[in-house]
Amino acid sequence: MWYLQPSPVVFKVTGKDARRYLNNRLSQDLRTISAGGSLVAGALSPQGRVEGLYTVYAQSDDTFYLASDGGERQPLFAALGRFIVADRVSIVDCSSEALVGHVVGQSCPEFGGDVLCLAHARRRVGKDGEDFLIVSDKTSDVRSTLIERLGPPLSTKEYDLKRFADGFAQYPTEINDSMILTEGGLREAVSFQKGCYVGQEVIERSDALGKLPRHLERVVFEGHEELSAQASVIGKESKPIGKIVSTIADAANNKLCAFALLKNGAYAPHEQVQCEGRVGAILSSEEKSV
């Protein structure tokens, strides 16, 4: 089982100050990875909002690849390099030469030659697997070889339903500048030990309080018809408790799967909610099916 992101964004970051700059810019501790290592990290605004979410691959001590599942290339590029002043850092957009995906049950095939293959262990669709990044000037040939070796990839709808069932939210569909990383459940993308980085104060303050203002939750509605973007979610006592972030139609089961950003303390798992007259139920974090 495997999947290729349809519109990934990939940056190559190089230079003597690349590691130091990225460590100050991103939410994870890049000092912990050596050549061949990888981690997940966010580029945040000073207000702690997510301006980019990346799988970071260290090719060498001063060469890094940052792969985003999607997003708009120019805003992501501008946000990543916003704080470069006198740093010896170069950021190059190499999205057109990259394939980004996820595979379960085996590793991404090796290609050799001048094809760069990097991997990061991660769970997205119900089983342990790995994200992969392939950089080549012959991406169409590499794509054809992947299909030959791995078989047909999941469709976007199949992938979205599987990741929803496992509670995997991705950038920018669910994780974006409407929230902070920890509201989206992405503590794995945050270092609470490394010290200063852009947006740190907001993340640290919310963690110190021990209670986030909101949580990204999964809600399943009866009927697979779409809801309005950012539609209000109504809880008990007919009070608004949050908003819809994204939806995935499950026509086969006549259901609509929704990620919703809900106010902490205003709901409980399995509680019924309403949205535009539709009835839904909040899933618990342990529930892996819809």
C-alpha atoms as a PDB file:
ATOM      1  CA  MET A   1       0.000   0.000   0.000  1.00  0.00           C
ATOM      2  CA  TRP A   2       1.470   3.322  -1.019  1.00  0.00           C
ATOM      3  CA  TYR A   3       0.547   6.867  -2.003  1.00  0.00           C
ATOM      4  CA  LEU A   4       2.064   9.761  -3.937  1.00  0.00           C
ATOM      5  CA  GLN A   5       1.282  13.328  -2.894  1.00  0.00           C
ATOM      6  CA  PRO A   6      -0.169  15.098  -5.969  1.00  0.00           C
ATOM      7  CA  SER A   7       1.307  18.568  -5.308  1.00  0.00           C
ATOM      8  CA  PRO A   8       4.193  18.396  -2.833  1.00  0.00           C
ATOM      9  CA  VAL A   9       6.514  21.301  -2.098  1.00  0.00           C
ATOM     10  CA  VAL A  10      10.200  20.533  -1.573  1.00  0.00           C
ATOM     11  CA  PHE A  11      13.034  22.890  -0.638  1.00  0.00           C
ATOM     12  CA  LYS A  12      16.766  22.188  -0.581  1.00  0.00           C
ATOM     13  CA  VAL A  13      18.519  24.166   2.152  1.00  0.00           C
ATOM     14  CA  THR A  14      22.320  24.373   2.070  1.00  0.00           C
ATOM     15  CA  GLY A  15      25.179  26.428   3.478  1.00  0.00           C
ATOM     16  CA  LYS A  16      27.495  26.666   6.489  1.00  0.00           C
ATOM     17  CA  ASP A  17      24.688  28.145   8.599  1.00  0.00           C
ATOM     18  CA  ALA A  18      21.909  25.899   7.269  1.00  0.00           C
ATOM     19  CA  ARG A  19      21.574  23.738  10.380  1.00  0.00           C
ATOM     20  CA  ARG A  20      21.780  26.671  12.788  1.00  0.00           C
ATOM     21  CA  TYR A  21      19.275  28.710  10.797  1.00  0.00           C
ATOM     22  CA  LEU A  22      16.777  25.857  10.465  1.00  0.00           C
ATOM     23  CA  ASN A  23      17.143  25.037  14.145  1.00  0.00           C
ATOM     24  CA  ASN A  24      16.157  28.619  15.005  1.00  0.00           C
ATOM     25  CA  ARG A  25      13.408  28.731  12.370  1.00  0.00           C
ATOM     26  CA  LEU A  26      11.725  25.358  12.916  1.00  0.00           C
ATOM     27  CA  SER A  27       9.931  23.883  15.918  1.00  0.00           C
ATOM     28  CA  GLN A  28      12.064  20.748  16.267  1.00  0.00           C
ATOM     29  CA  ASP A  29      15.702  20.320  17.311  1.00  0.00           C
ATOM     30  CA  LEU A  30      17.822  19.843  14.197  1.00  0.00           C
ATOM     31  CA  ARG A  31      20.923  19.354  16.319  1.00  0.00           C
ATOM     32  CA  THR A  32      19.644  15.845  17.076  1.00  0.00           C
ATOM     33  CA  ILE A  33      19.883  14.508  13.513  1.00  0.00           C
ATOM     34  CA  SER A  34      23.005  13.644  11.566  1.00  0.00           C
ATOM     35  CA  ALA A  35      23.411  12.710   7.902  1.00  0.00           C
ATOM     36  CA  GLY A  36      20.679  10.253   6.964  1.00  0.00           C
ATOM     37  CA  GLY A  37      18.444  11.341   9.847  1.00  0.00           C
ATOM     38  CA  SER A  38      15.010  12.914   9.627  1.00  0.00           C
ATOM     39  CA  LEU A  39      12.242  14.482  11.696  1.00  0.00           C
ATOM     40  CA  VAL A  40       8.964  16.406  11.394  1.00  0.00           C
ATOM     41  CA  ALA A  41       8.994  20.147  12.141  1.00  0.00           C
ATOM     42  CA  GLY A  42       6.868  23.224  11.622  1.00  0.00           C
ATOM     43  CA  ALA A  43       7.756  26.730  10.459  1.00  0.00           C
ATOM     44  CA  LEU A  44       5.721  29.006  12.714  1.00  0.00           C
ATOM     45  CA  SER A  45       4.727  32.645  12.792  1.00  0.00           C
ATOM     46  CA  PRO A  46       5.730  34.713  15.847  1.00  0.00           C
ATOM     47  CA  GLN A  47       2.145  34.071  17.037  1.00  0.00           C
ATOM     48  CA  GLY A  48       2.775  30.319  16.908  1.00  0.00           C
ATOM     49  CA  ARG A  49       0.538  29.653  13.896  1.00  0.00           C
ATOM     50  CA  VAL A  50       1.642  27.037  11.363  1.00  0.00           C
ATOM     51  CA  GLU A  51       3.220  28.582   8.248  1.00  0.00           C
ATOM     52  CA  GLY A  52       4.567  25.268   6.982  1.00  0.00           C
ATOM     53  CA  LEU A  53       4.902  21.640   8.086  1.00  0.00           C
ATOM     54  CA  TYR A  54       7.831  19.595   6.808  1.00  0.00           C
ATOM     55  CA  THR A  55       9.471  16.232   6.888  1.00  0.00           C
ATOM     56  CA  VAL A  56      13.093  17.328   7.248  1.00  0.00           C
ATOM     57  CA  TYR A  57      15.773  15.057   5.774  1.00  0.00           C
ATOM     58  CA  ALA A  58      19.466  15.633   6.562  1.00  0.00           C
ATOM     59  CA  GLN A  59      21.517  14.606   3.550  1.00  0.00           C
ATOM     60  CA  SER A  60      24.719  15.881   5.154  1.00  0.00           C
ATOM     61  CA  ASP A  61      25.783  18.236   7.933  1.00  0.00           C
ATOM     62  CA  ASP A  62      24.992  21.293   5.819  1.00  0.00           C
ATOM     63  CA  THR A  63      22.440  20.004   3.285  1.00  0.00           C
ATOM     64  CA  PHE A  64      18.783  19.479   4.149  1.00  0.00           C
ATOM     65  CA  TYR A  65      15.624  18.693   2.190  1.00  0.00           C
ATOM     66  CA  LEU A  66      12.291  19.922   3.524  1.00  0.00           C
ATOM     67  CA  ALA A  67       9.247  18.141   2.066  1.00  0.00           C
ATOM     68  CA  SER A  68       5.697  19.433   2.547  1.00  0.00           C
ATOM     69  CA  ASP A  69       2.650  17.345   1.597  1.00  0.00           C
ATOM     70  CA  GLY A  70       1.234  20.376  -0.192  1.00  0.00           C
ATOM     71  CA  GLY A  71       0.661  24.106   0.006  1.00  0.00           C
ATOM     72  CA  GLU A  72       1.466  27.140  -2.123  1.00  0.00           C
ATOM     73  CA  ARG A  73       5.113  27.219  -3.066  1.00  0.00           C
ATOM     74  CA  GLN A  74       5.798  30.963  -2.982  1.00  0.00           C
ATOM     75  CA  PRO A  75       4.246  31.666   0.462  1.00  0.00           C
ATOM     76  CA  LEU A  76       6.007  28.617   1.898  1.00  0.00           C
ATOM     77  CA  PHE A  77       9.326  29.743   0.386  1.00  0.00           C
ATOM     78  CA  ALA A  78       8.903  33.270   1.738  1.00  0.00           C
ATOM     79  CA  ALA A  79       7.946  32.061   5.224  1.00  0.00           C
ATOM     80  CA  LEU A  80      10.851  29.611   5.463  1.00  0.00           C
ATOM     81  CA  GLY A  81      13.454  32.231   4.546  1.00  0.00           C
ATOM     82  CA  ARG A  82      11.850  35.219   6.259  1.00  0.00           C
ATOM     83  CA  PHE A  83      14.458  35.500   9.003  1.00  0.00           C
ATOM     84  CA  ILE A  84      17.613  35.084   6.910  1.00  0.00           C
ATOM     85  CA  VAL A  85      19.747  38.192   7.436  1.00  0.00           C
ATOM     86  CA  ALA A  86      23.487  37.581   7.259  1.00  0.00           C
ATOM     87  CA  ASP A  87      23.189  33.801   7.468  1.00  0.00           C
ATOM     88  CA  ARG A  88      25.145  31.734   4.965  1.00  0.00           C
ATOM     89  CA  VAL A  89      22.052  29.842   3.817  1.00  0.00           C
ATOM     90  CA  SER A  90      20.631  29.065   0.388  1.00  0.00           C
ATOM     91  CA  ILE A  91      17.048  27.862  -0.130  1.00  0.00           C
ATOM     92  CA  VAL A  92      16.151  26.392  -3.522  1.00  0.00           C
ATOM     93  CA  ASP A  93      12.703  25.234  -4.615  1.00  0.00           C
ATOM     94  CA  CYS A  94      13.214  21.778  -6.150  1.00  0.00           C
ATOM     95  CA  SER A  95       9.555  20.699  -6.148  1.00  0.00           C
ATOM     96  CA  SER A  96       9.551  20.032  -9.894  1.00  0.00           C
ATOM     97  CA  GLU A  97      12.306  17.449  -9.434  1.00  0.00           C
ATOM     98  CA  ALA A  98      10.767  15.677  -6.438  1.00  0.00           C
ATOM     99  CA  LEU A  99       8.332  12.885  -5.648  1.00  0.00           C
ATOM    100  CA  VAL A 100       6.885  12.741  -2.128  1.00  0.00           C
ATOM    101  CA  GLY A 101       4.874   9.825  -0.815  1.00  0.00           C
ATOM    102  CA  HIS A 102       4.227   7.182   1.807  1.00  0.00           C
ATOM    103  CA  VAL A 103       4.615   3.411   1.698  1.00  0.00           C
ATOM    104  CA  VAL A 104       3.420   0.677   4.080  1.00  0.00           C
ATOM    105  CA  GLY A 105       4.683  -2.898   4.298  1.00  0.00           C
ATOM    106  CA  GLN A 106       8.034  -2.331   2.625  1.00  0.00           C
ATOM    107  CA  SER A 107      10.634   0.323   2.015  1.00  0.00           C
ATOM    108  CA  CYS A 108      10.712   2.658  -0.932  1.00  0.00           C
ATOM    109  CA  PRO A 109      12.700   0.990  -3.739  1.00  0.00           C
ATOM    110  CA  GLU A 110      16.303   2.057  -4.248  1.00  0.00           C
ATOM    111  CA  PHE A 111      17.176   3.483  -7.643  1.00  0.00           C
ATOM    112  CA  GLY A 112      20.914   4.143  -7.461  1.00  0.00           C
ATOM    113  CA  GLY A 113      22.775   6.410  -9.831  1.00  0.00           C
ATOM    114  CA  ASP A 114      21.939  10.079  -9.505  1.00  0.00           C
ATOM    115  CA  VAL A 115      18.496   9.454  -7.981  1.00  0.00           C
ATOM    116  CA  LEU A 116      18.337  10.587  -4.346  1.00  0.00           C
ATOM    117  CA  CYS A 117      16.037   8.536  -2.067  1.00  0.00           C
ATOM    118  CA  LEU A 118      15.396   9.562   1.553  1.00  0.00           C
ATOM    119  CA  ALA A 119      12.986   8.028   4.078  1.00  0.00           C
ATOM    120  CA  HIS A 120      11.359   8.843   7.425  1.00  0.00           C
ATOM    121  CA  ALA A 121       9.492   6.302   9.589  1.00  0.00           C
ATOM    122  CA  ARG A 122       5.932   7.494  10.147  1.00  0.00           C
ATOM    123  CA  ARG A 123       2.406   6.230  10.612  1.00  0.00           C
ATOM    124  CA  ARG A 124      -0.325   7.711   8.416  1.00  0.00           C
ATOM    125  CA  VAL A 125      -2.830   5.080   7.285  1.00  0.00           C
ATOM    126  CA  GLY A 126      -3.330   2.635  10.135  1.00  0.00           C
ATOM    127  CA  LYS A 127       0.022   0.828  10.006  1.00  0.00           C
ATOM    128  CA  ASP A 128       3.652   1.768  10.541  1.00  0.00           C
ATOM    129  CA  GLY A 129       5.206   2.891   7.286  1.00  0.00           C
ATOM    130  CA  GLU A 130       7.608   5.453   5.941  1.00  0.00           C
ATOM    131  CA  ASP A 131       7.433   8.773   4.178  1.00  0.00           C
ATOM    132  CA  PHE A 132       9.803   9.034   1.239  1.00  0.00           C
ATOM    133  CA  LEU A 133      11.370  11.749  -0.833  1.00  0.00           C
ATOM    134  CA  ILE A 134      12.848  11.038  -4.251  1.00  0.00           C
ATOM    135  CA  VAL A 135      14.785  13.739  -6.100  1.00  0.00           C
ATOM    136  CA  SER A 136      15.584  13.180  -9.772  1.00  0.00           C
ATOM    137  CA  ASP A 137      15.589  15.096 -13.045  1.00  0.00           C
ATOM    138  CA  LYS A 138      13.570  12.209 -14.518  1.00  0.00           C
ATOM    139  CA  THR A 139      10.563  12.093 -12.203  1.00  0.00           C
ATOM    140  CA  SER A 140       8.245  10.591 -14.836  1.00  0.00           C
ATOM    141  CA  ASP A 141      10.586   7.603 -15.271  1.00  0.00           C
ATOM    142  CA  VAL A 142      10.905   7.195 -11.496  1.00  0.00           C
ATOM    143  CA  ARG A 143       7.118   7.357 -11.089  1.00  0.00           C
ATOM    144  CA  SER A 144       6.676   4.612 -13.699  1.00  0.00           C
ATOM    145  CA  THR A 145       9.274   2.442 -11.947  1.00  0.00           C
ATOM    146  CA  LEU A 146       7.528   2.905  -8.596  1.00  0.00           C
ATOM    147  CA  ILE A 147       4.249   1.693 -10.083  1.00  0.00           C
ATOM    148  CA  GLU A 148       5.998  -1.292 -11.661  1.00  0.00           C
ATOM    149  CA  ARG A 149       7.598  -2.287  -8.350  1.00  0.00           C
ATOM    150  CA  LEU A 150       4.867  -1.355  -5.864  1.00  0.00           C
ATOM    151  CA  GLY A 151       1.696  -1.667  -7.933  1.00  0.00           C
ATOM    152  CA  PRO A 152      -0.976   1.025  -8.363  1.00  0.00           C
ATOM    153  CA  PRO A 153      -0.933   3.703  -5.640  1.00  0.00           C
ATOM    154  CA  LEU A 154      -3.922   4.600  -3.474  1.00  0.00           C
ATOM    155  CA  SER A 155      -6.224   7.216  -4.941  1.00  0.00           C
ATOM    156  CA  THR A 156      -6.474  10.495  -3.053  1.00  0.00           C
ATOM    157  CA  LYS A 157      -9.944   9.546  -1.776  1.00  0.00           C
ATOM    158  CA  GLU A 158      -8.712   6.136  -0.546  1.00  0.00           C
ATOM    159  CA  TYR A 159      -5.729   7.746   1.158  1.00  0.00           C
ATOM    160  CA  ASP A 160      -7.830  10.462   2.785  1.00  0.00           C
ATOM    161  CA  LEU A 161     -10.346   7.969   4.207  1.00  0.00           C
ATOM    162  CA  LYS A 162      -7.565   5.760   5.570  1.00  0.00           C
ATOM    163  CA  ARG A 163      -5.696   8.642   7.208  1.00  0.00           C
ATOM    164  CA  PHE A 164      -8.960   9.963   8.681  1.00  0.00           C
ATOM    165  CA  ALA A 165      -9.650   6.549  10.184  1.00  0.00           C
ATOM    166  CA  ASP A 166      -6.215   6.663  11.806  1.00  0.00           C
ATOM    167  CA  GLY A 167      -6.568  10.310  12.887  1.00  0.00           C
ATOM    168  CA  PHE A 168      -3.755  11.622  10.693  1.00  0.00           C
ATOM    169  CA  ALA A 169      -4.123  15.326   9.891  1.00  0.00           C
ATOM    170  CA  GLN A 170      -1.884  16.808   7.218  1.00  0.00           C
ATOM    171  CA  TYR A 171      -0.709  20.185   5.965  1.00  0.00           C
ATOM    172  CA  PRO A 172      -2.323  22.327   4.644  1.00  0.00           C
ATOM    173  CA  THR A 173      -5.725  20.608   4.527  1.00  0.00           C
ATOM    174  CA  GLU A 174      -6.095  20.436   8.301  1.00  0.00           C
ATOM    175  CA  ILE A 175      -2.866  21.738   9.825  1.00  0.00           C
ATOM    176  CA  ASN A 176      -2.433  25.356   8.737  1.00  0.00           C
ATOM    177  CA  ASP A 177      -2.234  28.942   9.954  1.00  0.00           C
ATOM    178  CA  SER A 178      -5.607  28.664  11.695  1.00  0.00           C
ATOM    179  CA  MET A 179      -3.994  26.797  14.597  1.00  0.00           C
ATOM    180  CA  ILE A 180      -0.852  25.998  16.552  1.00  0.00           C
ATOM    181  CA  LEU A 181       0.857  22.606  16.193  1.00  0.00           C
ATOM    182  CA  THR A 182      -0.221  21.223  19.551  1.00  0.00           C
ATOM    183  CA  GLU A 183      -3.897  22.026  18.866  1.00  0.00           C
ATOM    184  CA  GLY A 184      -3.518  19.745  15.847  1.00  0.00           C
ATOM    185  CA  GLY A 185      -2.040  16.958  17.987  1.00  0.00           C
ATOM    186  CA  LEU A 186       1.467  17.346  16.562  1.00  0.00           C
ATOM    187  CA  ARG A 187       3.632  17.254  19.674  1.00  0.00           C
ATOM    188  CA  GLU A 188       6.050  15.077  17.671  1.00  0.00           C
ATOM    189  CA  ALA A 189       6.868  18.188  15.611  1.00  0.00           C
ATOM    190  CA  VAL A 190       7.834  20.253  18.674  1.00  0.00           C
ATOM    191  CA  SER A 191      10.941  20.249  20.865  1.00  0.00           C
ATOM    192  CA  PHE A 192      10.285  21.433  24.417  1.00  0.00           C
ATOM    193  CA  GLN A 193      13.986  21.314  25.332  1.00  0.00           C
ATOM    194  CA  LYS A 194      15.986  23.052  22.603  1.00  0.00           C
ATOM    195  CA  GLY A 195      15.241  26.667  23.501  1.00  0.00           C
ATOM    196  CA  CYS A 196      14.424  29.617  21.283  1.00  0.00           C
ATOM    197  CA  TYR A 197      12.753  29.317  17.882  1.00  0.00           C
ATOM    198  CA  VAL A 198      10.157  31.421  16.072  1.00  0.00           C
ATOM    199  CA  GLY A 199       6.761  30.940  17.757  1.00  0.00           C
ATOM    200  CA  GLN A 200       8.213  29.184  20.812  1.00  0.00           C
ATOM    201  CA  GLU A 201       6.614  31.432  23.421  1.00  0.00           C
ATOM    202  CA  VAL A 202       3.065  30.632  22.313  1.00  0.00           C
ATOM    203  CA  ILE A 203       3.704  26.877  22.200  1.00  0.00           C
ATOM    204  CA  GLU A 204       5.488  26.853  25.567  1.00  0.00           C
ATOM    205  CA  ARG A 205       2.841  29.029  27.232  1.00  0.00           C
ATOM    206  CA  SER A 206      -0.044  26.820  26.111  1.00  0.00           C
ATOM    207  CA  ASP A 207       1.841  23.718  27.221  1.00  0.00           C
ATOM    208  CA  ALA A 208       2.674  25.228  30.610  1.00  0.00           C
ATOM    209  CA  LEU A 209      -1.014  25.992  31.194  1.00  0.00           C
ATOM    210  CA  GLY A 210      -1.724  22.304  30.617  1.00  0.00           C
ATOM    211  CA  LYS A 211      -4.887  23.075  28.671  1.00  0.00           C
ATOM    212  CA  LEU A 212      -5.037  24.007  25.020  1.00  0.00           C
ATOM    213  CA  PRO A 213      -7.858  26.347  23.997  1.00  0.00           C
ATOM    214  CA  ARG A 214      -8.889  24.041  21.137  1.00  0.00           C
ATOM    215  CA  HIS A 215      -8.344  20.532  19.782  1.00  0.00           C
ATOM    216  CA  LEU A 216      -8.553  19.127  16.261  1.00  0.00           C
ATOM    217  CA  GLU A 217     -11.091  16.309  16.436  1.00  0.00           C
ATOM    218  CA  ARG A 218     -12.810  13.919  14.052  1.00  0.00           C
ATOM    219  CA  VAL A 219     -16.566  14.055  13.559  1.00  0.00           C
ATOM    220  CA  VAL A 220     -18.638  11.673  11.426  1.00  0.00           C
ATOM    221  CA  PHE A 221     -21.925  12.979  10.008  1.00  0.00           C
ATOM    222  CA  GLU A 222     -24.785  11.007   8.517  1.00  0.00           C
ATOM    223  CA  GLY A 223     -25.096  11.568   4.767  1.00  0.00           C
ATOM    224  CA  HIS A 224     -22.136  12.200   2.485  1.00  0.00           C
ATOM    225  CA  GLU A 225     -23.209  15.604   1.137  1.00  0.00           C
ATOM    226  CA  GLU A 226     -20.638  18.342   1.710  1.00  0.00           C
ATOM    227  CA  LEU A 227     -20.882  21.013   4.403  1.00  0.00           C
ATOM    228  CA  SER A 228     -19.967  24.657   3.918  1.00  0.00           C
ATOM    229  CA  ALA A 229     -16.323  25.589   4.468  1.00  0.00           C
ATOM    230  CA  GLN A 230     -15.667  26.689   8.059  1.00  0.00           C
ATOM    231  CA  ALA A 231     -19.239  25.735   9.010  1.00  0.00           C
ATOM    232  CA  SER A 232     -20.069  26.122  12.704  1.00  0.00           C
ATOM    233  CA  VAL A 233     -20.318  22.991  14.860  1.00  0.00           C
ATOM    234  CA  ILE A 234     -23.138  23.126  17.409  1.00  0.00           C
ATOM    235  CA  GLY A 235     -22.850  21.196  20.678  1.00  0.00           C
ATOM    236  CA  LYS A 236     -25.115  20.624  23.631  1.00  0.00           C
ATOM    237  CA  GLU A 237     -27.461  23.410  24.651  1.00  0.00           C
ATOM    238  CA  SER A 238     -27.371  24.521  20.991  1.00  0.00           C
ATOM    239  CA  LYS A 239     -24.125  26.434  21.548  1.00  0.00           C
ATOM    240  CA  PRO A 240     -21.332  26.758  18.932  1.00  0.00           C
ATOM    241  CA  ILE A 241     -18.263  24.771  20.004  1.00  0.00           C
ATOM    242  CA  GLY A 242     -16.026  25.101  16.958  1.00  0.00           C
ATOM    243  CA  LYS A 243     -15.805  24.911  13.187  1.00  0.00           C
ATOM    244  CA  ILE A 244     -15.279  22.446  10.380  1.00  0.00           C
ATOM    245  CA  VAL A 245     -11.707  22.424   9.033  1.00  0.00           C
ATOM    246  CA  SER A 246     -11.960  19.828   6.250  1.00  0.00           C
ATOM    247  CA  THR A 247     -14.303  17.089   5.026  1.00  0.00           C
ATOM    248  CA  ILE A 248     -13.932  13.767   3.227  1.00  0.00           C
ATOM    249  CA  ALA A 249     -17.040  12.264   1.637  1.00  0.00           C
ATOM    250  CA  ASP A 250     -17.525   8.515   2.210  1.00  0.00           C
ATOM    251  CA  ALA A 251     -20.238   7.851  -0.358  1.00  0.00           C
ATOM    252  CA  ALA A 252     -20.009   4.060   0.002  1.00  0.00           C
ATOM    253  CA  ASN A 253     -21.133   4.305   3.643  1.00  0.00           C
ATOM    254  CA  ASN A 254     -23.251   7.465   3.196  1.00  0.00           C
ATOM    255  CA  LYS A 255     -21.165   9.386   5.719  1.00  0.00           C
ATOM    256  CA  LEU A 256     -19.164  12.586   5.803  1.00  0.00           C
ATOM    257  CA  CYS A 257     -15.866  12.475   7.675  1.00  0.00           C
ATOM    258  CA  ALA A 258     -14.844  15.849   9.067  1.00  0.00           C
ATOM    259  CA  PHE A 259     -11.885  17.281  10.932  1.00  0.00           C
ATOM    260  CA  ALA A 260     -13.155  20.009  13.261  1.00  0.00           C
ATOM    261  CA  LEU A 261     -11.376  22.467  15.551  1.00  0.00           C
ATOM    262  CA  LEU A 262     -13.371  22.393  18.800  1.00  0.00           C
ATOM    263  CA  LYS A 263     -13.214  24.352  22.053  1.00  0.00           C
ATOM    264  CA  ASN A 264     -11.520  22.452  24.851  1.00  0.00           C
ATOM    265  CA  GLY A 265     -13.954  21.460  27.594  1.00  0.00           C
ATOM    266  CA  ALA A 266     -17.060  22.096  25.474  1.00  0.00           C
ATOM    267  CA  TYR A 267     -17.542  18.491  24.308  1.00  0.00           C
ATOM    268  CA  ALA A 268     -16.793  14.848  25.051  1.00  0.00           C
ATOM    269  CA  PRO A 269     -15.994  11.820  22.851  1.00  0.00           C
ATOM    270  CA  HIS A 270     -19.052  10.175  21.277  1.00  0.00           C
ATOM    271  CA  GLU A 271     -21.117  13.281  21.967  1.00  0.00           C
ATOM    272  CA  GLN A 272     -23.623  14.227  19.289  1.00  0.00           C
ATOM    273  CA  VAL A 273     -23.199  17.550  17.492  1.00  0.00           C
ATOM    274  CA  GLN A 274     -24.954  19.337  14.662  1.00  0.00           C
ATOM    275  CA  CYS A 275     -23.727  21.265  11.653  1.00  0.00           C
ATOM    276  CA  GLU A 276     -26.053  22.925   9.155  1.00  0.00           C
ATOM    277  CA  GLY A 277     -28.883  20.698  10.373  1.00  0.00           C
ATOM    278  CA  ARG A 278     -26.848  17.487  10.053  1.00  0.00           C
ATOM    279  CA  VAL A 279     -26.259  15.209  13.029  1.00  0.00           C
ATOM    280  CA  GLY A 280     -22.807  13.856  13.735  1.00  0.00           C
ATOM    281  CA  ALA A 281     -20.791  12.184  16.479  1.00  0.00           C
ATOM    282  CA  ILE A 282     -17.326  13.033  17.795  1.00  0.00           C
ATOM    283  CA  LEU A 283     -14.901  10.126  17.578  1.00  0.00           C
ATOM    284  CA  SER A 284     -12.540   9.308  20.424  1.00  0.00           C
ATOM    285  CA  SER A 285      -8.808   9.279  19.702  1.00  0.00           C
ATOM    286  CA  GLU A 286      -8.784   5.488  20.082  1.00  0.00           C
ATOM    287  CA  GLU A 287     -11.384   4.842  17.385  1.00  0.00           C
ATOM    288  CA  LYS A 288      -9.639   3.794  14.193  1.00  0.00           C
ATOM    289  CA  SER A 289     -12.617   3.317  11.892  1.00  0.00           C
ATOM    290  CA  VAL A 290     -15.497   5.416  10.693  1.00  0.00           C
END
